[in-house]
Amino acid sequence: MNEELSPVMLALVVVILLVQSIFLFTNARKHGHNYWLWGILGLIQAPMPLLFYLLFARKIWRSKSAEK
């Protein structure tokens, strides 16, 4: 099997990482979190930094239960 990434696949991975990083950076800055940390973590891999940010920094599971 050819284990090299095709240029299209590599471009797709770069776009996904950049979009995730930009979202994390801007959202963390808006909500007063450590935005540089989240932006850099978003460049490293996907989707774990996004999930960690939503679960632990934004605490999205608490907003649903607090409304009841």
N, C-alpha and C. Protein backbone atom coordinates (compact mmCIF):
# COMPACT_ATOMS: atom_id res chain seq x y z
N MET A 1 0.82 -1.18 0.00
CA MET A 1 0.00 0.00 0.00
C MET A 1 0.87 1.25 0.00
N ASN A 2 0.38 2.27 -0.63
CA ASN A 2 1.06 3.55 -0.66
C ASN A 2 0.72 4.29 0.63
N GLU A 3 1.76 4.54 1.46
CA GLU A 3 1.50 5.16 2.76
C GLU A 3 1.68 6.67 2.75
N GLU A 4 1.94 7.27 1.61
CA GLU A 4 2.07 8.72 1.53
C GLU A 4 0.69 9.35 1.37
N LEU A 5 0.55 10.53 1.92
CA LEU A 5 -0.70 11.26 1.76
C LEU A 5 -0.74 11.94 0.40
N SER A 6 -1.88 11.88 -0.22
CA SER A 6 -2.03 12.59 -1.49
C SER A 6 -2.08 14.08 -1.21
N PRO A 7 -1.75 14.91 -2.18
CA PRO A 7 -1.81 16.36 -1.95
C PRO A 7 -3.21 16.86 -1.56
N VAL A 8 -4.23 16.24 -2.10
CA VAL A 8 -5.60 16.64 -1.77
C VAL A 8 -5.90 16.31 -0.30
N MET A 9 -5.51 15.14 0.14
CA MET A 9 -5.75 14.73 1.52
C MET A 9 -4.94 15.60 2.48
N LEU A 10 -3.72 15.91 2.12
CA LEU A 10 -2.89 16.77 2.95
C LEU A 10 -3.48 18.17 3.05
N ALA A 11 -4.00 18.70 1.96
CA ALA A 11 -4.64 20.02 1.97
C ALA A 11 -5.89 19.99 2.84
N LEU A 12 -6.65 18.91 2.79
CA LEU A 12 -7.85 18.77 3.61
C LEU A 12 -7.50 18.75 5.10
N VAL A 13 -6.46 18.04 5.46
CA VAL A 13 -6.03 17.98 6.86
C VAL A 13 -5.57 19.35 7.34
N VAL A 14 -4.83 20.07 6.51
CA VAL A 14 -4.36 21.41 6.88
C VAL A 14 -5.55 22.35 7.07
N VAL A 15 -6.53 22.29 6.20
CA VAL A 15 -7.71 23.15 6.31
C VAL A 15 -8.50 22.83 7.59
N ILE A 16 -8.67 21.55 7.89
CA ILE A 16 -9.40 21.15 9.10
C ILE A 16 -8.68 21.66 10.35
N LEU A 17 -7.37 21.50 10.40
CA LEU A 17 -6.61 21.95 11.57
C LEU A 17 -6.64 23.47 11.71
N LEU A 18 -6.53 24.18 10.60
CA LEU A 18 -6.58 25.65 10.67
C LEU A 18 -7.94 26.17 11.10
N VAL A 19 -9.00 25.60 10.57
CA VAL A 19 -10.35 26.03 10.95
C VAL A 19 -10.60 25.73 12.42
N GLN A 20 -10.19 24.57 12.89
CA GLN A 20 -10.36 24.22 14.29
C GLN A 20 -9.57 25.17 15.18
N SER A 21 -8.34 25.46 14.80
CA SER A 21 -7.49 26.34 15.60
C SER A 21 -8.04 27.76 15.66
N ILE A 22 -8.50 28.27 14.54
CA ILE A 22 -9.07 29.62 14.50
C ILE A 22 -10.34 29.69 15.34
N PHE A 23 -11.18 28.66 15.25
CA PHE A 23 -12.39 28.64 16.07
C PHE A 23 -12.05 28.62 17.55
N LEU A 24 -11.12 27.75 17.95
CA LEU A 24 -10.75 27.67 19.36
C LEU A 24 -10.15 28.98 19.85
N PHE A 25 -9.29 29.59 19.05
CA PHE A 25 -8.65 30.84 19.43
C PHE A 25 -9.68 31.94 19.64
N THR A 26 -10.57 32.13 18.67
CA THR A 26 -11.53 33.22 18.76
C THR A 26 -12.56 32.98 19.85
N ASN A 27 -13.02 31.74 20.00
CA ASN A 27 -14.02 31.44 21.00
C ASN A 27 -13.44 31.53 22.41
N ALA A 28 -12.23 31.05 22.61
CA ALA A 28 -11.60 31.14 23.93
C ALA A 28 -11.32 32.60 24.28
N ARG A 29 -10.95 33.39 23.32
CA ARG A 29 -10.70 34.82 23.58
C ARG A 29 -12.00 35.53 23.96
N LYS A 30 -13.08 35.17 23.29
CA LYS A 30 -14.39 35.77 23.54
C LYS A 30 -14.89 35.43 24.95
N HIS A 31 -14.58 34.23 25.43
CA HIS A 31 -15.09 33.78 26.72
C HIS A 31 -14.08 33.89 27.85
N GLY A 32 -12.94 34.53 27.58
CA GLY A 32 -11.98 34.80 28.64
C GLY A 32 -11.10 33.64 29.06
N HIS A 33 -10.92 32.67 28.18
CA HIS A 33 -10.03 31.54 28.49
C HIS A 33 -8.65 31.83 27.92
N ASN A 34 -7.71 30.94 28.17
CA ASN A 34 -6.34 31.08 27.68
C ASN A 34 -6.33 30.81 26.17
N TYR A 35 -6.53 31.86 25.37
CA TYR A 35 -6.77 31.67 23.94
C TYR A 35 -5.55 31.21 23.16
N TRP A 36 -4.34 31.61 23.57
CA TRP A 36 -3.15 31.13 22.86
C TRP A 36 -2.97 29.63 23.04
N LEU A 37 -3.22 29.15 24.22
CA LEU A 37 -3.11 27.72 24.48
C LEU A 37 -4.07 26.93 23.60
N TRP A 38 -5.33 27.37 23.56
CA TRP A 38 -6.32 26.63 22.78
C TRP A 38 -6.05 26.73 21.29
N GLY A 39 -5.56 27.89 20.84
CA GLY A 39 -5.23 28.02 19.42
C GLY A 39 -4.09 27.11 19.00
N ILE A 40 -3.06 27.01 19.83
CA ILE A 40 -1.93 26.13 19.51
C ILE A 40 -2.33 24.67 19.60
N LEU A 41 -3.11 24.32 20.63
CA LEU A 41 -3.58 22.94 20.73
C LEU A 41 -4.44 22.54 19.54
N GLY A 42 -5.18 23.49 19.00
CA GLY A 42 -6.01 23.20 17.83
C GLY A 42 -5.21 22.90 16.58
N LEU A 43 -3.96 23.37 16.53
CA LEU A 43 -3.10 23.08 15.38
C LEU A 43 -2.45 21.71 15.45
N ILE A 44 -2.43 21.11 16.61
CA ILE A 44 -1.70 19.86 16.80
C ILE A 44 -2.45 18.66 16.26
N GLN A 45 -3.70 18.51 16.64
CA GLN A 45 -4.48 17.37 16.18
C GLN A 45 -5.96 17.70 16.20
N ALA A 46 -6.76 16.87 15.58
CA ALA A 46 -8.21 17.05 15.56
C ALA A 46 -8.85 15.71 15.89
N PRO A 47 -9.97 15.64 16.50
CA PRO A 47 -10.85 16.63 17.08
C PRO A 47 -10.71 16.74 18.59
N MET A 48 -9.72 16.11 19.21
CA MET A 48 -9.62 16.07 20.68
C MET A 48 -9.51 17.46 21.33
N PRO A 49 -8.69 18.39 20.83
CA PRO A 49 -8.68 19.71 21.48
C PRO A 49 -10.03 20.41 21.46
N LEU A 50 -10.76 20.25 20.38
CA LEU A 50 -12.09 20.85 20.29
C LEU A 50 -13.04 20.22 21.31
N LEU A 51 -13.00 18.91 21.44
CA LEU A 51 -13.86 18.24 22.41
C LEU A 51 -13.48 18.62 23.84
N PHE A 52 -12.18 18.65 24.14
CA PHE A 52 -11.74 19.05 25.48
C PHE A 52 -12.15 20.48 25.79
N TYR A 53 -12.03 21.37 24.81
CA TYR A 53 -12.42 22.76 25.04
C TYR A 53 -13.91 22.86 25.35
N LEU A 54 -14.72 22.19 24.57
CA LEU A 54 -16.17 22.27 24.77
C LEU A 54 -16.60 21.61 26.08
N LEU A 55 -15.95 20.52 26.46
CA LEU A 55 -16.36 19.81 27.67
C LEU A 55 -15.79 20.42 28.94
N PHE A 56 -14.52 20.85 28.93
CA PHE A 56 -13.88 21.27 30.17
C PHE A 56 -13.76 22.78 30.31
N ALA A 57 -13.52 23.51 29.24
CA ALA A 57 -13.39 24.96 29.36
C ALA A 57 -14.76 25.64 29.30
N ARG A 58 -15.58 25.24 28.35
CA ARG A 58 -16.91 25.85 28.21
C ARG A 58 -17.96 25.18 29.07
N LYS A 59 -17.72 23.93 29.47
CA LYS A 59 -18.64 23.16 30.32
C LYS A 59 -20.05 23.13 29.73
N ILE A 60 -20.15 22.63 28.49
CA ILE A 60 -21.44 22.64 27.79
C ILE A 60 -22.45 21.69 28.40
N TRP A 61 -22.02 20.67 29.14
CA TRP A 61 -22.98 19.75 29.72
C TRP A 61 -23.74 20.39 30.88
N ARG A 62 -23.18 21.40 31.53
CA ARG A 62 -23.85 22.03 32.66
C ARG A 62 -24.95 22.98 32.23
N SER A 63 -24.83 23.60 31.06
CA SER A 63 -25.83 24.57 30.64
C SER A 63 -27.18 23.91 30.37
N LYS A 64 -27.20 22.69 29.92
CA LYS A 64 -28.46 21.98 29.66
C LYS A 64 -29.14 21.59 30.98
N SER A 65 -28.37 21.11 31.95
CA SER A 65 -28.98 20.66 33.19
C SER A 65 -29.38 21.83 34.09
N ALA A 66 -28.73 22.99 33.94
CA ALA A 66 -29.05 24.16 34.77
C ALA A 66 -30.38 24.79 34.36
N GLU A 67 -30.81 24.58 33.11
CA GLU A 67 -32.04 25.18 32.62
C GLU A 67 -33.28 24.48 33.16
N LYS A 68 -33.15 23.23 33.60
CA LYS A 68 -34.31 22.45 34.04
C LYS A 68 -34.78 22.86 35.40
